Amino acid sequence: MSSETLFVILGLVNIPLYLFMGKLIFESWEGFGNAIHFWFKPDRWSAFDGEYWDDLVAEFKLAIFVAICAGAVYGEHYLILDKLIK
Protein backbone atom coordinates (compact mmCIF):
# COMPACT_ATOMS: atom_id res chain seq x y z
CA MET A 1 0.00 0.00 0.00
CA SER A 2 1.35 3.40 -0.94
CA SER A 3 1.71 6.26 1.48
CA GLU A 4 -0.84 8.41 -0.38
CA THR A 5 -3.44 5.65 -0.29
CA LEU A 6 -2.94 5.28 3.44
CA PHE A 7 -3.45 9.04 3.93
CA VAL A 8 -6.75 8.87 2.00
CA ILE A 9 -7.96 5.84 3.97
CA LEU A 10 -7.05 7.44 7.30
CA GLY A 11 -8.71 10.69 6.23
CA LEU A 12 -11.96 8.84 5.56
CA VAL A 13 -11.80 6.62 8.63
CA ASN A 14 -11.35 9.68 10.86
CA ILE A 15 -14.60 11.38 9.80
CA PRO A 16 -16.25 10.55 13.16
CA LEU A 17 -13.26 12.15 14.90
CA TYR A 18 -13.65 15.30 12.79
CA LEU A 19 -17.35 15.52 13.67
CA PHE A 20 -16.63 14.99 17.37
CA MET A 21 -13.86 17.59 17.44
CA GLY A 22 -16.01 20.03 15.46
CA LYS A 23 -18.85 19.66 17.95
CA LEU A 24 -16.42 20.11 20.84
CA ILE A 25 -14.71 23.20 19.40
CA PHE A 26 -17.53 25.00 17.56
CA GLU A 27 -20.54 23.76 19.57
CA SER A 28 -22.81 23.90 16.48
CA TRP A 29 -22.83 24.03 12.70
CA GLU A 30 -23.54 27.74 12.99
CA GLY A 31 -20.29 28.24 14.89
CA PHE A 32 -18.41 26.36 12.19
CA GLY A 33 -20.10 28.43 9.50
CA ASN A 34 -19.15 31.63 11.32
CA ALA A 35 -15.54 30.48 11.48
CA ILE A 36 -15.51 29.83 7.72
CA HIS A 37 -17.19 33.23 7.14
CA PHE A 38 -14.58 35.07 9.21
CA TRP A 39 -11.77 33.14 7.54
CA PHE A 40 -12.76 34.59 4.16
CA LYS A 41 -13.65 38.04 5.52
CA PRO A 42 -10.65 40.40 5.68
CA ASP A 43 -9.66 41.38 9.21
CA ARG A 44 -9.93 45.08 8.40
CA TRP A 45 -13.60 44.65 7.46
CA SER A 46 -14.21 42.85 10.73
CA ALA A 47 -12.52 45.69 12.61
CA PHE A 48 -14.67 48.29 10.82
CA ASP A 49 -17.80 46.24 11.58
CA GLY A 50 -16.87 45.94 15.25
CA GLU A 51 -16.38 42.17 14.97
CA TYR A 52 -12.60 42.03 15.24
CA TRP A 53 -12.46 39.90 18.40
CA ASP A 54 -15.18 37.56 17.13
CA ASP A 55 -13.14 37.18 13.93
CA LEU A 56 -9.97 36.48 15.87
CA VAL A 57 -11.58 33.83 18.09
CA ALA A 58 -13.37 32.13 15.18
CA GLU A 59 -10.20 31.95 13.07
CA PHE A 60 -8.25 30.61 16.05
CA LYS A 61 -10.85 27.89 16.60
CA LEU A 62 -10.70 26.95 12.92
CA ALA A 63 -6.89 26.78 13.01
CA ILE A 64 -6.97 24.55 16.10
CA PHE A 65 -9.58 22.31 14.47
CA VAL A 66 -7.53 21.88 11.28
CA ALA A 67 -4.33 21.26 13.26
CA ILE A 68 -5.96 18.58 15.41
CA CYS A 69 -7.52 16.80 12.44
CA ALA A 70 -4.36 16.93 10.34
CA GLY A 71 -2.23 15.93 13.31
CA ALA A 72 -4.41 12.92 13.99
CA VAL A 73 -4.09 11.67 10.41
CA TYR A 74 -0.36 12.33 10.28
CA GLY A 75 0.20 10.70 13.68
CA GLU A 76 -1.72 7.59 12.69
CA HIS A 77 0.17 7.46 9.39
CA TYR A 78 3.46 7.70 11.25
CA LEU A 79 2.48 4.96 13.69
CA ILE A 80 1.29 2.61 10.97
CA LEU A 81 4.19 3.03 8.54
CA ASP A 82 7.15 3.69 10.81
CA LYS A 83 6.33 1.77 13.95
CA LEU A 84 4.05 -1.13 13.05
CA ILE A 85 5.35 -2.18 9.64
CA LYS A 86 9.10 -2.08 10.44
PDB file of N, CA and C in Angstrom:
ATOM      1  N   MET A   1       0.845  -1.179   0.000  1.00  0.00           N
ATOM      2  CA  MET A   1       0.000   0.000   0.000  1.00  0.00           C
ATOM      3  C   MET A   1       0.888   1.239   0.000  1.00  0.00           C
ATOM      4  N   SER A   2       0.548   2.175  -0.852  1.00  0.00           N
ATOM      5  CA  SER A   2       1.354   3.401  -0.942  1.00  0.00           C
ATOM      6  C   SER A   2       0.996   4.360   0.196  1.00  0.00           C
ATOM      7  N   SER A   3       1.885   5.280   0.416  1.00  0.00           N
ATOM      8  CA  SER A   3       1.708   6.255   1.481  1.00  0.00           C
ATOM      9  C   SER A   3       0.496   7.156   1.222  1.00  0.00           C
ATOM     10  N   GLU A   4       0.298   7.540  -0.040  1.00  0.00           N
ATOM     11  CA  GLU A   4      -0.836   8.409  -0.385  1.00  0.00           C
ATOM     12  C   GLU A   4      -2.167   7.705  -0.159  1.00  0.00           C
ATOM     13  N   THR A   5      -2.212   6.428  -0.505  1.00  0.00           N
ATOM     14  CA  THR A   5      -3.435   5.648  -0.291  1.00  0.00           C
ATOM     15  C   THR A   5      -3.761   5.560   1.192  1.00  0.00           C
ATOM     16  N   LEU A   6      -2.736   5.359   1.997  1.00  0.00           N
ATOM     17  CA  LEU A   6      -2.942   5.281   3.444  1.00  0.00           C
ATOM     18  C   LEU A   6      -3.465   6.609   3.993  1.00  0.00           C
ATOM     19  N   PHE A   7      -2.943   7.736   3.499  1.00  0.00           N
ATOM     20  CA  PHE A   7      -3.452   9.045   3.931  1.00  0.00           C
ATOM     21  C   PHE A   7      -4.941   9.191   3.597  1.00  0.00           C
ATOM     22  N   VAL A   8      -5.342   8.769   2.402  1.00  0.00           N
ATOM     23  CA  VAL A   8      -6.747   8.867   2.002  1.00  0.00           C
ATOM     24  C   VAL A   8      -7.618   7.990   2.884  1.00  0.00           C
ATOM     25  N   ILE A   9      -7.180   6.760   3.132  1.00  0.00           N
ATOM     26  CA  ILE A   9      -7.956   5.836   3.971  1.00  0.00           C
ATOM     27  C   ILE A   9      -8.093   6.398   5.385  1.00  0.00           C
ATOM     28  N   LEU A  10      -6.992   6.870   5.947  1.00  0.00           N
ATOM     29  CA  LEU A  10      -7.050   7.440   7.297  1.00  0.00           C
ATOM     30  C   LEU A  10      -7.918   8.696   7.346  1.00  0.00           C
ATOM     31  N   GLY A  11      -7.862   9.497   6.288  1.00  0.00           N
ATOM     32  CA  GLY A  11      -8.708  10.685   6.228  1.00  0.00           C
ATOM     33  C   GLY A  11     -10.181  10.332   6.253  1.00  0.00           C
ATOM     34  N   LEU A  12     -10.556   9.259   5.572  1.00  0.00           N
ATOM     35  CA  LEU A  12     -11.960   8.837   5.556  1.00  0.00           C
ATOM     36  C   LEU A  12     -12.370   8.146   6.849  1.00  0.00           C
ATOM     37  N   VAL A  13     -11.486   7.344   7.401  1.00  0.00           N
ATOM     38  CA  VAL A  13     -11.797   6.619   8.633  1.00  0.00           C
ATOM     39  C   VAL A  13     -11.971   7.581   9.811  1.00  0.00           C
ATOM     40  N   ASN A  14     -11.304   8.716   9.760  1.00  0.00           N
ATOM     41  CA  ASN A  14     -11.350   9.681  10.858  1.00  0.00           C
ATOM     42  C   ASN A  14     -12.513  10.656  10.794  1.00  0.00           C
ATOM     43  N   ILE A  15     -13.449  10.477   9.893  1.00  0.00           N
ATOM     44  CA  ILE A  15     -14.597  11.384   9.802  1.00  0.00           C
ATOM     45  C   ILE A  15     -15.357  11.493  11.131  1.00  0.00           C
ATOM     46  N   PRO A  16     -15.596  10.386  11.846  1.00  0.00           N
ATOM     47  CA  PRO A  16     -16.246  10.545  13.161  1.00  0.00           C
ATOM     48  C   PRO A  16     -15.427  11.408  14.129  1.00  0.00           C
ATOM     49  N   LEU A  17     -14.107  11.307  14.065  1.00  0.00           N
ATOM     50  CA  LEU A  17     -13.257  12.150  14.904  1.00  0.00           C
ATOM     51  C   LEU A  17     -13.421  13.623  14.536  1.00  0.00           C
ATOM     52  N   TYR A  18     -13.473  13.925  13.233  1.00  0.00           N
ATOM     53  CA  TYR A  18     -13.654  15.301  12.786  1.00  0.00           C
ATOM     54  C   TYR A  18     -14.981  15.861  13.293  1.00  0.00           C
ATOM     55  N   LEU A  19     -16.034  15.066  13.205  1.00  0.00           N
ATOM     56  CA  LEU A  19     -17.346  15.517  13.670  1.00  0.00           C
ATOM     57  C   LEU A  19     -17.347  15.753  15.181  1.00  0.00           C
ATOM     58  N   PHE A  20     -16.713  14.847  15.920  1.00  0.00           N
ATOM     59  CA  PHE A  20     -16.635  14.993  17.369  1.00  0.00           C
ATOM     60  C   PHE A  20     -15.844  16.241  17.751  1.00  0.00           C
ATOM     61  N   MET A  21     -14.683  16.429  17.128  1.00  0.00           N
ATOM     62  CA  MET A  21     -13.856  17.591  17.443  1.00  0.00           C
ATOM     63  C   MET A  21     -14.552  18.891  17.023  1.00  0.00           C
ATOM     64  N   GLY A  22     -15.271  18.858  15.890  1.00  0.00           N
ATOM     65  CA  GLY A  22     -16.010  20.034  15.460  1.00  0.00           C
ATOM     66  C   GLY A  22     -17.096  20.414  16.448  1.00  0.00           C
ATOM     67  N   LYS A  23     -17.802  19.403  16.955  1.00  0.00           N
ATOM     68  CA  LYS A  23     -18.848  19.663  17.948  1.00  0.00           C
ATOM     69  C   LYS A  23     -18.241  20.211  19.243  1.00  0.00           C
ATOM     70  N   LEU A  24     -17.088  19.682  19.610  1.00  0.00           N
ATOM     71  CA  LEU A  24     -16.423  20.111  20.836  1.00  0.00           C
ATOM     72  C   LEU A  24     -15.899  21.550  20.720  1.00  0.00           C
ATOM     73  N   ILE A  25     -15.330  21.889  19.578  1.00  0.00           N
ATOM     74  CA  ILE A  25     -14.706  23.204  19.405  1.00  0.00           C
ATOM     75  C   ILE A  25     -15.731  24.279  19.044  1.00  0.00           C
ATOM     76  N   PHE A  26     -16.617  23.979  18.082  1.00  0.00           N
ATOM     77  CA  PHE A  26     -17.526  25.004  17.556  1.00  0.00           C
ATOM     78  C   PHE A  26     -18.910  24.993  18.207  1.00  0.00           C
ATOM     79  N   GLU A  27     -19.275  23.921  18.853  1.00  0.00           N
ATOM     80  CA  GLU A  27     -20.539  23.756  19.566  1.00  0.00           C
ATOM     81  C   GLU A  27     -21.760  23.618  18.667  1.00  0.00           C
ATOM     82  N   SER A  28     -21.692  24.060  17.413  1.00  0.00           N
ATOM     83  CA  SER A  28     -22.815  23.902  16.480  1.00  0.00           C
ATOM     84  C   SER A  28     -22.312  24.121  15.061  1.00  0.00           C
ATOM     85  N   TRP A  29     -23.174  23.781  14.096  1.00  0.00           N
ATOM     86  CA  TRP A  29     -22.831  24.027  12.699  1.00  0.00           C
ATOM     87  C   TRP A  29     -22.770  25.527  12.426  1.00  0.00           C
ATOM     88  N   GLU A  30     -23.554  26.291  13.158  1.00  0.00           N
ATOM     89  CA  GLU A  30     -23.539  27.740  12.990  1.00  0.00           C
ATOM     90  C   GLU A  30     -22.183  28.317  13.391  1.00  0.00           C
ATOM     91  N   GLY A  31     -21.612  27.788  14.470  1.00  0.00           N
ATOM     92  CA  GLY A  31     -20.287  28.240  14.893  1.00  0.00           C
ATOM     93  C   GLY A  31     -19.219  27.914  13.857  1.00  0.00           C
ATOM     94  N   PHE A  32     -19.340  26.735  13.252  1.00  0.00           N
ATOM     95  CA  PHE A  32     -18.409  26.362  12.194  1.00  0.00           C
ATOM     96  C   PHE A  32     -18.586  27.262  10.978  1.00  0.00           C
ATOM     97  N   GLY A  33     -19.826  27.537  10.626  1.00  0.00           N
ATOM     98  CA  GLY A  33     -20.104  28.435   9.502  1.00  0.00           C
ATOM     99  C   GLY A  33     -19.570  29.833   9.742  1.00  0.00           C
ATOM    100  N   ASN A  34     -19.701  30.320  10.971  1.00  0.00           N
ATOM    101  CA  ASN A  34     -19.154  31.634  11.315  1.00  0.00           C
ATOM    102  C   ASN A  34     -17.635  31.651  11.184  1.00  0.00           C
ATOM    103  N   ALA A  35     -16.992  30.557  11.589  1.00  0.00           N
ATOM    104  CA  ALA A  35     -15.540  30.480  11.476  1.00  0.00           C
ATOM    105  C   ALA A  35     -15.106  30.526  10.012  1.00  0.00           C
ATOM    106  N   ILE A  36     -15.819  29.808   9.153  1.00  0.00           N
ATOM    107  CA  ILE A  36     -15.508  29.834   7.720  1.00  0.00           C
ATOM    108  C   ILE A  36     -15.755  31.244   7.165  1.00  0.00           C
ATOM    109  N   HIS A  37     -16.864  31.861   7.581  1.00  0.00           N
ATOM    110  CA  HIS A  37     -17.186  33.226   7.143  1.00  0.00           C
ATOM    111  C   HIS A  37     -16.065  34.195   7.517  1.00  0.00           C
ATOM    112  N   PHE A  38     -15.623  34.152   8.754  1.00  0.00           N
ATOM    113  CA  PHE A  38     -14.581  35.070   9.206  1.00  0.00           C
ATOM    114  C   PHE A  38     -13.229  34.758   8.567  1.00  0.00           C
ATOM    115  N   TRP A  39     -13.023  33.504   8.188  1.00  0.00           N
ATOM    116  CA  TRP A  39     -11.771  33.139   7.537  1.00  0.00           C
ATOM    117  C   TRP A  39     -11.646  33.838   6.180  1.00  0.00           C
ATOM    118  N   PHE A  40     -12.766  33.936   5.461  1.00  0.00           N
ATOM    119  CA  PHE A  40     -12.761  34.588   4.162  1.00  0.00           C
ATOM    120  C   PHE A  40     -12.891  36.116   4.262  1.00  0.00           C
ATOM    121  N   LYS A  41     -13.448  36.596   5.354  1.00  0.00           N
ATOM    122  CA  LYS A  41     -13.654  38.040   5.521  1.00  0.00           C
ATOM    123  C   LYS A  41     -12.340  38.691   5.960  1.00  0.00           C
ATOM    124  N   PRO A  42     -11.896  39.725   5.270  1.00  0.00           N
ATOM    125  CA  PRO A  42     -10.655  40.403   5.681  1.00  0.00           C
ATOM    126  C   PRO A  42     -10.767  40.968   7.096  1.00  0.00           C
ATOM    127  N   ASP A  43      -9.668  40.912   7.822  1.00  0.00           N
ATOM    128  CA  ASP A  43      -9.657  41.375   9.207  1.00  0.00           C
ATOM    129  C   ASP A  43      -9.995  42.856   9.332  1.00  0.00           C
ATOM    130  N   ARG A  44      -9.617  43.642   8.354  1.00  0.00           N
ATOM    131  CA  ARG A  44      -9.933  45.079   8.404  1.00  0.00           C
ATOM    132  C   ARG A  44     -11.438  45.309   8.356  1.00  0.00           C
ATOM    133  N   TRP A  45     -12.135  44.517   7.523  1.00  0.00           N
ATOM    134  CA  TRP A  45     -13.599  44.653   7.464  1.00  0.00           C
ATOM    135  C   TRP A  45     -14.221  44.285   8.796  1.00  0.00           C
ATOM    136  N   SER A  46     -13.686  43.235   9.415  1.00  0.00           N
ATOM    137  CA  SER A  46     -14.206  42.849  10.733  1.00  0.00           C
ATOM    138  C   SER A  46     -13.979  43.959  11.745  1.00  0.00           C
ATOM    139  N   ALA A  47     -12.825  44.600  11.677  1.00  0.00           N
ATOM    140  CA  ALA A  47     -12.525  45.695  12.606  1.00  0.00           C
ATOM    141  C   ALA A  47     -13.474  46.868  12.377  1.00  0.00           C
ATOM    142  N   PHE A  48     -13.740  47.194  11.114  1.00  0.00           N
ATOM    143  CA  PHE A  48     -14.668  48.290  10.816  1.00  0.00           C
ATOM    144  C   PHE A  48     -16.095  47.959  11.242  1.00  0.00           C
ATOM    145  N   ASP A  49     -16.459  46.669  11.174  1.00  0.00           N
ATOM    146  CA  ASP A  49     -17.799  46.238  11.576  1.00  0.00           C
ATOM    147  C   ASP A  49     -17.930  46.027  13.077  1.00  0.00           C
ATOM    148  N   GLY A  50     -16.832  46.158  13.812  1.00  0.00           N
ATOM    149  CA  GLY A  50     -16.867  45.944  15.254  1.00  0.00           C
ATOM    150  C   GLY A  50     -16.861  44.469  15.631  1.00  0.00           C
ATOM    151  N   GLU A  51     -16.400  43.619  14.729  1.00  0.00           N
ATOM    152  CA  GLU A  51     -16.377  42.169  14.970  1.00  0.00           C
ATOM    153  C   GLU A  51     -14.957  41.616  15.022  1.00  0.00           C
ATOM    154  N   TYR A  52     -13.989  42.468  15.314  1.00  0.00           N
ATOM    155  CA  TYR A  52     -12.596  42.032  15.242  1.00  0.00           C
ATOM    156  C   TYR A  52     -12.312  40.863  16.183  1.00  0.00           C
ATOM    157  N   TRP A  53     -12.760  40.964  17.424  1.00  0.00           N
ATOM    158  CA  TRP A  53     -12.457  39.904  18.397  1.00  0.00           C
ATOM    159  C   TRP A  53     -13.215  38.625  18.072  1.00  0.00           C
ATOM    160  N   ASP A  54     -14.445  38.740  17.570  1.00  0.00           N
ATOM    161  CA  ASP A  54     -15.177  37.556  17.128  1.00  0.00           C
ATOM    162  C   ASP A  54     -14.444  36.875  15.976  1.00  0.00           C
ATOM    163  N   ASP A  55     -13.923  37.681  15.057  1.00  0.00           N
ATOM    164  CA  ASP A  55     -13.143  37.177  13.927  1.00  0.00           C
ATOM    165  C   ASP A  55     -11.907  36.443  14.427  1.00  0.00           C
ATOM    166  N   LEU A  56     -11.197  37.057  15.349  1.00  0.00           N
ATOM    167  CA  LEU A  56      -9.967  36.477  15.871  1.00  0.00           C
ATOM    168  C   LEU A  56     -10.228  35.132  16.549  1.00  0.00           C
ATOM    169  N   VAL A  57     -11.252  35.068  17.377  1.00  0.00           N
ATOM    170  CA  VAL A  57     -11.578  33.830  18.086  1.00  0.00           C
ATOM    171  C   VAL A  57     -12.029  32.752  17.109  1.00  0.00           C
ATOM    172  N   ALA A  58     -12.864  33.104  16.142  1.00  0.00           N
ATOM    173  CA  ALA A  58     -13.365  32.133  15.179  1.00  0.00           C
ATOM    174  C   ALA A  58     -12.236  31.565  14.321  1.00  0.00           C
ATOM    175  N   GLU A  59     -11.328  32.425  13.869  1.00  0.00           N
ATOM    176  CA  GLU A  59     -10.205  31.948  13.066  1.00  0.00           C
ATOM    177  C   GLU A  59      -9.255  31.094  13.898  1.00  0.00           C
ATOM    178  N   PHE A  60      -9.089  31.417  15.170  1.00  0.00           N
ATOM    179  CA  PHE A  60      -8.251  30.605  16.048  1.00  0.00           C
ATOM    180  C   PHE A  60      -8.863  29.217  16.238  1.00  0.00           C
ATOM    181  N   LYS A  61     -10.171  29.170  16.457  1.00  0.00           N
ATOM    182  CA  LYS A  61     -10.851  27.885  16.601  1.00  0.00           C
ATOM    183  C   LYS A  61     -10.702  27.040  15.342  1.00  0.00           C
ATOM    184  N   LEU A  62     -10.832  27.675  14.180  1.00  0.00           N
ATOM    185  CA  LEU A  62     -10.697  26.952  12.919  1.00  0.00           C
ATOM    186  C   LEU A  62      -9.274  26.426  12.745  1.00  0.00           C
ATOM    187  N   ALA A  63      -8.278  27.216  13.106  1.00  0.00           N
ATOM    188  CA  ALA A  63      -6.887  26.778  13.011  1.00  0.00           C
ATOM    189  C   ALA A  63      -6.611  25.594  13.941  1.00  0.00           C
ATOM    190  N   ILE A  64      -7.136  25.660  15.147  1.00  0.00           N
ATOM    191  CA  ILE A  64      -6.968  24.554  16.095  1.00  0.00           C
ATOM    192  C   ILE A  64      -7.647  23.293  15.564  1.00  0.00           C
ATOM    193  N   PHE A  65      -8.847  23.440  15.026  1.00  0.00           N
ATOM    194  CA  PHE A  65      -9.581  22.306  14.465  1.00  0.00           C
ATOM    195  C   PHE A  65      -8.796  21.641  13.333  1.00  0.00           C
ATOM    196  N   VAL A  66      -8.294  22.427  12.405  1.00  0.00           N
ATOM    197  CA  VAL A  66      -7.533  21.882  11.277  1.00  0.00           C
ATOM    198  C   VAL A  66      -6.248  21.219  11.768  1.00  0.00           C
ATOM    199  N   ALA A  67      -5.572  21.829  12.723  1.00  0.00           N
ATOM    200  CA  ALA A  67      -4.330  21.264  13.256  1.00  0.00           C
ATOM    201  C   ALA A  67      -4.576  19.925  13.949  1.00  0.00           C
ATOM    202  N   ILE A  68      -5.648  19.839  14.720  1.00  0.00           N
ATOM    203  CA  ILE A  68      -5.960  18.584  15.411  1.00  0.00           C
ATOM    204  C   ILE A  68      -6.300  17.489  14.416  1.00  0.00           C
ATOM    205  N   CYS A  69      -7.123  17.802  13.431  1.00  0.00           N
ATOM    206  CA  CYS A  69      -7.521  16.799  12.438  1.00  0.00           C
ATOM    207  C   CYS A  69      -6.336  16.345  11.594  1.00  0.00           C
ATOM    208  N   ALA A  70      -5.539  17.284  11.137  1.00  0.00           N
ATOM    209  CA  ALA A  70      -4.360  16.925  10.338  1.00  0.00           C
ATOM    210  C   ALA A  70      -3.331  16.180  11.187  1.00  0.00           C
ATOM    211  N   GLY A  71      -3.163  16.607  12.419  1.00  0.00           N
ATOM    212  CA  GLY A  71      -2.229  15.933  13.312  1.00  0.00           C
ATOM    213  C   GLY A  71      -2.640  14.508  13.611  1.00  0.00           C
ATOM    214  N   ALA A  72      -3.927  14.275  13.740  1.00  0.00           N
ATOM    215  CA  ALA A  72      -4.409  12.917  13.987  1.00  0.00           C
ATOM    216  C   ALA A  72      -4.091  12.005  12.804  1.00  0.00           C
ATOM    217  N   VAL A  73      -4.364  12.480  11.600  1.00  0.00           N
ATOM    218  CA  VAL A  73      -4.093  11.673  10.407  1.00  0.00           C
ATOM    219  C   VAL A  73      -2.589  11.441  10.254  1.00  0.00           C
ATOM    220  N   TYR A  74      -1.812  12.484  10.418  1.00  0.00           N
ATOM    221  CA  TYR A  74      -0.363  12.334  10.283  1.00  0.00           C
ATOM    222  C   TYR A  74       0.194  11.412  11.362  1.00  0.00           C
ATOM    223  N   GLY A  75      -0.265  11.562  12.594  1.00  0.00           N
ATOM    224  CA  GLY A  75       0.201  10.704  13.681  1.00  0.00           C
ATOM    225  C   GLY A  75      -0.135   9.240  13.451  1.00  0.00           C
ATOM    226  N   GLU A  76      -1.348   8.973  12.990  1.00  0.00           N
ATOM    227  CA  GLU A  76      -1.723   7.592  12.693  1.00  0.00           C
ATOM    228  C   GLU A  76      -0.895   7.044  11.531  1.00  0.00           C
ATOM    229  N   HIS A  77      -0.659   7.866  10.525  1.00  0.00           N
ATOM    230  CA  HIS A  77       0.167   7.464   9.389  1.00  0.00           C
ATOM    231  C   HIS A  77       1.575   7.106   9.859  1.00  0.00           C
ATOM    232  N   TYR A  78       2.125   7.939  10.713  1.00  0.00           N
ATOM    233  CA  TYR A  78       3.458   7.696  11.254  1.00  0.00           C
ATOM    234  C   TYR A  78       3.498   6.389  12.045  1.00  0.00           C
ATOM    235  N   LEU A  79       2.514   6.181  12.896  1.00  0.00           N
ATOM    236  CA  LEU A  79       2.481   4.957  13.692  1.00  0.00           C
ATOM    237  C   LEU A  79       2.362   3.717  12.826  1.00  0.00           C
ATOM    238  N   ILE A  80       1.520   3.774  11.817  1.00  0.00           N
ATOM    239  CA  ILE A  80       1.294   2.606  10.973  1.00  0.00           C
ATOM    240  C   ILE A  80       2.538   2.307  10.134  1.00  0.00           C
ATOM    241  N   LEU A  81       3.071   3.292   9.450  1.00  0.00           N
ATOM    242  CA  LEU A  81       4.190   3.032   8.536  1.00  0.00           C
ATOM    243  C   LEU A  81       5.525   2.878   9.230  1.00  0.00           C
ATOM    244  N   ASP A  82       5.823   3.711  10.208  1.00  0.00           N
ATOM    245  CA  ASP A  82       7.149   3.688  10.807  1.00  0.00           C
ATOM    246  C   ASP A  82       7.273   2.756  12.000  1.00  0.00           C
ATOM    247  N   LYS A  83       6.224   2.574  12.726  1.00  0.00           N
ATOM    248  CA  LYS A  83       6.331   1.766  13.945  1.00  0.00           C
ATOM    249  C   LYS A  83       5.798   0.347  13.760  1.00  0.00           C
ATOM    250  N   LEU A  84       4.659   0.191  13.123  1.00  0.00           N
ATOM    251  CA  LEU A  84       4.047  -1.127  13.054  1.00  0.00           C
ATOM    252  C   LEU A  84       4.570  -1.990  11.914  1.00  0.00           C
ATOM    253  N   ILE A  85       4.932  -1.385  10.807  1.00  0.00           N
ATOM    254  CA  ILE A  85       5.347  -2.178   9.641  1.00  0.00           C
ATOM    255  C   ILE A  85       6.820  -2.570   9.743  1.00  0.00           C
ATOM    256  N   LYS A  86       7.660  -1.754  10.353  1.00  0.00           N
ATOM    257  CA  LYS A  86       9.096  -2.081  10.444  1.00  0.00           C
ATOM    258  C   LYS A  86       9.372  -3.143  11.456  1.00  0.00           C
TER     259      LYS A  86
END
